Amino acid sequence: MFCYIKYAEWEGGKCDEGSLHRLGPGSIRSLIMKNTLQENKTLLINPNCYIRILIDYIAEIVKFDFKSASFDLCNENGELLRVDEMEPCESATKVLMFQKTYIVVKCFRNDDGIIKSLEPLLYKNSREYFDVKSRLKKYISSSTKKMSDKKKRNSDEIMKFNRTRRRSDEESLCRASSSRSSRRTLQSSGSSKNVFLGKTSSSAH
């Protein structure tokens, strides 16, 4: 009952990429033809434990630098597991499935804590790097759109609530005004009736 973690060992804050730094698709194809692509490392883990223990264990193995980025995992489709948002004592089996492969991801956030970029902790001259990187970009784009749509829906709901409340307040004011007007009319009618009766009594005498 295990799953697999793919990673590149992070030395001094950077993956050991040899003399290769920036590779495009053409370079990757060339490397494939020359059979010089670097193989990522694979870690076999048992996810039947607390998520915090698992994160610390993986981070120690891959020499993860928490000072420059936050830790996360993604599946092979580039979907983040958001393990950093889980409670420390939650079971890792909630997000990790047996016999599935996951990739260590470096998350870079802005001052508001929102993810601005994701970097798979893989060798840049490996087969998986560009595929996972591309999928993570799509994930961020999709997440940003969902967040924007959610904010718009929340804004629309707040505006709708405010309009409804204003309408309700206006109706309450109208009812209160109408009630006061009715009381004044009744009071005025009562006074006129008393005056009329008083005059009638005087005439009788």
Protein backbone atom coordinates (compact mmCIF):
# COMPACT_ATOMS: atom_id res chain seq x y z
CA MET A 1 0.00 0.00 0.00
CA PHE A 2 2.38 2.67 -1.25
CA CYS A 3 2.49 5.63 -3.61
CA TYR A 4 5.35 7.31 -5.44
CA ILE A 5 6.92 10.75 -5.11
CA LYS A 6 8.99 12.07 -8.01
CA TYR A 7 11.54 14.77 -7.33
CA ALA A 8 14.97 16.19 -8.03
CA GLU A 9 17.24 16.72 -5.08
CA TRP A 10 17.39 20.41 -4.25
CA GLU A 11 20.97 21.43 -3.57
CA GLY A 12 21.51 24.92 -2.17
CA GLY A 13 18.07 26.06 -3.34
CA LYS A 14 18.54 24.81 -6.92
CA CYS A 15 18.07 21.46 -8.57
CA ASP A 16 21.26 19.81 -9.75
CA GLU A 17 20.87 20.51 -13.46
CA GLY A 18 24.50 20.04 -14.47
CA SER A 19 25.42 22.47 -17.22
CA LEU A 20 21.81 22.73 -18.45
CA HIS A 21 19.74 25.68 -17.29
CA ARG A 22 17.16 26.91 -19.78
CA LEU A 23 15.80 24.28 -22.13
CA GLY A 24 13.13 24.73 -24.78
CA PRO A 25 11.08 22.03 -26.53
CA GLY A 26 13.71 21.84 -29.29
CA SER A 27 16.44 21.18 -26.75
CA ILE A 28 14.31 18.52 -25.08
CA ARG A 29 13.75 16.75 -28.43
CA SER A 30 17.49 16.89 -29.07
CA LEU A 31 18.21 15.41 -25.65
CA ILE A 32 15.69 12.62 -26.24
CA MET A 33 17.37 11.74 -29.54
CA LYS A 34 20.79 11.73 -27.84
CA ASN A 35 19.38 9.79 -24.89
CA THR A 36 20.91 12.30 -22.45
CA LEU A 37 17.79 13.19 -20.47
CA GLN A 38 18.22 13.07 -16.71
CA GLU A 39 16.03 10.72 -14.72
CA ASN A 40 14.12 12.13 -11.77
CA LYS A 41 14.34 10.31 -8.48
CA THR A 42 11.44 8.27 -7.11
CA LEU A 43 10.59 7.95 -3.45
CA LEU A 44 8.33 5.13 -2.26
CA ILE A 45 6.13 6.20 0.66
CA ASN A 46 3.31 4.84 2.78
CA PRO A 47 0.62 7.56 2.99
CA ASN A 48 -1.06 5.94 5.98
CA CYS A 49 0.24 8.55 8.44
CA TYR A 50 -0.30 12.15 9.51
CA ILE A 51 0.19 14.64 6.66
CA ARG A 52 2.60 16.77 8.71
CA ILE A 53 4.88 13.79 9.34
CA LEU A 54 4.82 12.93 5.63
CA ILE A 55 5.61 16.51 4.55
CA ASP A 56 8.55 16.73 6.95
CA TYR A 57 9.86 13.36 5.79
CA ILE A 58 9.67 14.21 2.07
CA ALA A 59 11.13 17.68 2.67
CA GLU A 60 14.10 16.15 4.47
CA ILE A 61 14.71 13.64 1.68
CA VAL A 62 14.56 16.22 -1.13
CA LYS A 63 16.40 18.90 0.91
CA PHE A 64 13.50 21.32 0.49
CA ASP A 65 14.20 24.96 1.36
CA PHE A 66 11.12 26.33 3.16
CA LYS A 67 12.66 29.82 3.37
CA SER A 68 12.24 30.57 -0.34
CA ALA A 69 9.03 28.67 -1.15
CA SER A 70 6.19 26.69 0.39
CA PHE A 71 5.85 22.95 -0.07
CA ASP A 72 3.12 21.16 -1.97
CA LEU A 73 2.47 18.11 -4.11
CA CYS A 74 0.65 17.74 -7.41
CA ASN A 75 -0.64 14.73 -9.27
CA GLU A 76 0.41 13.85 -12.81
CA ASN A 77 -2.38 16.07 -14.18
CA GLY A 78 -0.80 19.12 -12.54
CA GLU A 79 -3.51 19.48 -9.90
CA LEU A 80 -2.24 20.77 -6.56
CA LEU A 81 -3.10 18.73 -3.48
CA ARG A 82 -2.77 21.82 -1.21
CA VAL A 83 -1.28 19.76 1.58
CA ASP A 84 -0.17 22.94 3.36
CA GLU A 85 -3.84 23.78 3.99
CA MET A 86 -4.54 20.49 5.76
CA GLU A 87 -4.57 20.06 9.52
CA PRO A 88 -1.28 18.54 10.77
CA CYS A 89 -3.03 15.49 12.21
CA GLU A 90 -5.14 14.72 9.14
CA SER A 91 -4.34 11.47 7.38
CA ALA A 92 -2.31 11.77 4.19
CA THR A 93 -4.62 9.15 2.65
CA LYS A 94 -7.21 11.93 2.23
CA VAL A 95 -5.22 13.30 -0.70
CA LEU A 96 -2.76 10.56 -1.64
CA MET A 97 -4.03 7.47 -3.42
CA PHE A 98 -2.22 4.16 -3.33
CA GLN A 99 -0.04 3.31 -6.34
CA LYS A 100 -0.36 6.84 -7.77
CA THR A 101 2.53 9.13 -8.60
CA TYR A 102 2.92 12.66 -7.22
CA ILE A 103 5.45 15.43 -7.81
CA VAL A 104 7.01 17.78 -5.28
CA VAL A 105 6.12 21.41 -6.09
CA LYS A 106 7.61 24.71 -4.97
CA CYS A 107 4.88 27.33 -4.42
CA PHE A 108 5.76 31.00 -4.65
CA ARG A 109 3.16 33.33 -3.12
CA ASN A 110 2.59 37.09 -3.06
CA ASP A 111 2.23 39.16 0.12
CA ASP A 112 -1.47 38.20 0.32
CA GLY A 113 -0.60 34.50 0.35
CA ILE A 114 -2.00 33.95 -3.17
CA ILE A 115 0.00 31.60 -5.40
CA LYS A 116 1.76 33.52 -8.15
CA SER A 117 3.84 30.69 -9.63
CA LEU A 118 4.49 26.98 -9.27
CA GLU A 119 7.69 25.13 -10.01
CA PRO A 120 7.86 21.33 -10.14
CA LEU A 121 10.88 20.07 -8.23
CA LEU A 122 12.12 18.03 -11.18
CA TYR A 123 15.25 18.10 -13.25
CA LYS A 124 14.75 20.61 -16.05
CA ASN A 125 16.40 18.23 -18.48
CA SER A 126 13.96 15.43 -17.61
CA ARG A 127 11.04 14.10 -19.64
CA GLU A 128 8.43 15.08 -17.04
CA TYR A 129 9.52 18.65 -16.31
CA PHE A 130 7.90 20.51 -19.23
CA ASP A 131 4.74 18.41 -19.15
CA VAL A 132 4.17 19.03 -15.44
CA LYS A 133 5.19 22.70 -15.71
CA SER A 134 2.66 23.25 -18.50
CA ARG A 135 -0.11 21.53 -16.53
CA LEU A 136 0.66 23.59 -13.44
CA LYS A 137 0.35 26.79 -15.48
CA LYS A 138 -3.07 25.66 -16.68
CA TYR A 139 -4.00 24.84 -13.09
CA ILE A 140 -3.06 28.35 -11.91
CA SER A 141 -4.96 29.93 -14.79
CA SER A 142 -8.05 27.84 -14.04
CA SER A 143 -7.79 28.52 -10.28
CA THR A 144 -7.44 32.27 -10.89
CA LYS A 145 -10.53 32.28 -13.12
CA LYS A 146 -12.52 30.30 -10.54
CA MET A 147 -11.45 32.72 -7.81
CA SER A 148 -12.41 35.70 -9.97
CA ASP A 149 -15.80 34.15 -10.76
CA LYS A 150 -16.35 33.41 -7.06
CA LYS A 151 -15.53 37.01 -6.11
CA LYS A 152 -17.93 38.26 -8.78
CA ARG A 153 -20.68 35.95 -7.51
CA ASN A 154 -20.07 37.10 -3.95
CA SER A 155 -20.14 40.73 -5.06
CA ASP A 156 -23.39 40.16 -6.97
CA GLU A 157 -24.94 38.42 -3.96
CA ILE A 158 -23.93 41.28 -1.66
CA MET A 159 -25.40 43.84 -4.06
CA LYS A 160 -28.59 41.79 -4.34
CA PHE A 161 -28.79 41.51 -0.54
CA ASN A 162 -28.28 45.27 -0.15
CA ARG A 163 -30.97 46.05 -2.74
CA THR A 164 -33.38 43.68 -1.00
CA ARG A 165 -32.61 45.22 2.38
CA ARG A 166 -33.06 48.76 1.06
CA ARG A 167 -36.37 47.77 -0.52
CA SER A 168 -37.47 46.17 2.74
CA ASP A 169 -36.44 49.27 4.71
CA GLU A 170 -38.30 51.52 2.28
CA GLU A 171 -41.42 49.38 2.57
CA SER A 172 -41.17 49.45 6.37
CA LEU A 173 -40.85 53.24 6.32
CA CYS A 174 -43.85 53.50 4.01
CA ARG A 175 -45.92 51.27 6.27
CA ALA A 176 -44.84 53.24 9.34
CA SER A 177 -45.64 56.55 7.62
CA SER A 178 -49.01 55.23 6.46
CA SER A 179 -49.79 54.02 9.97
CA ARG A 180 -48.92 57.41 11.48
CA SER A 181 -51.03 59.16 8.85
CA SER A 182 -53.98 56.87 9.60
CA ARG A 183 -53.69 57.57 13.34
CA ARG A 184 -53.61 61.31 12.71
CA THR A 185 -56.70 61.03 10.50
CA LEU A 186 -58.55 59.04 13.16
CA GLN A 187 -57.53 61.50 15.85
CA SER A 188 -58.64 64.41 13.67
CA SER A 189 -61.98 62.72 12.96
CA GLY A 190 -62.47 62.08 16.66
CA SER A 191 -61.82 65.73 17.51
CA SER A 192 -64.25 66.97 14.85
CA LYS A 193 -66.91 64.59 16.13
CA ASN A 194 -66.47 65.86 19.69
CA VAL A 195 -66.75 69.48 18.54
CA PHE A 196 -69.87 68.67 16.53
CA LEU A 197 -71.46 66.89 19.46
CA GLY A 198 -70.60 69.83 21.70
CA LYS A 199 -72.32 72.26 19.38
CA THR A 200 -75.36 70.05 19.17
CA SER A 201 -75.61 69.94 22.94
CA SER A 202 -75.44 73.74 23.18
CA SER A 203 -78.20 74.13 20.62
CA ALA A 204 -80.42 71.78 22.58
CA HIS A 205 -80.15 74.02 25.61
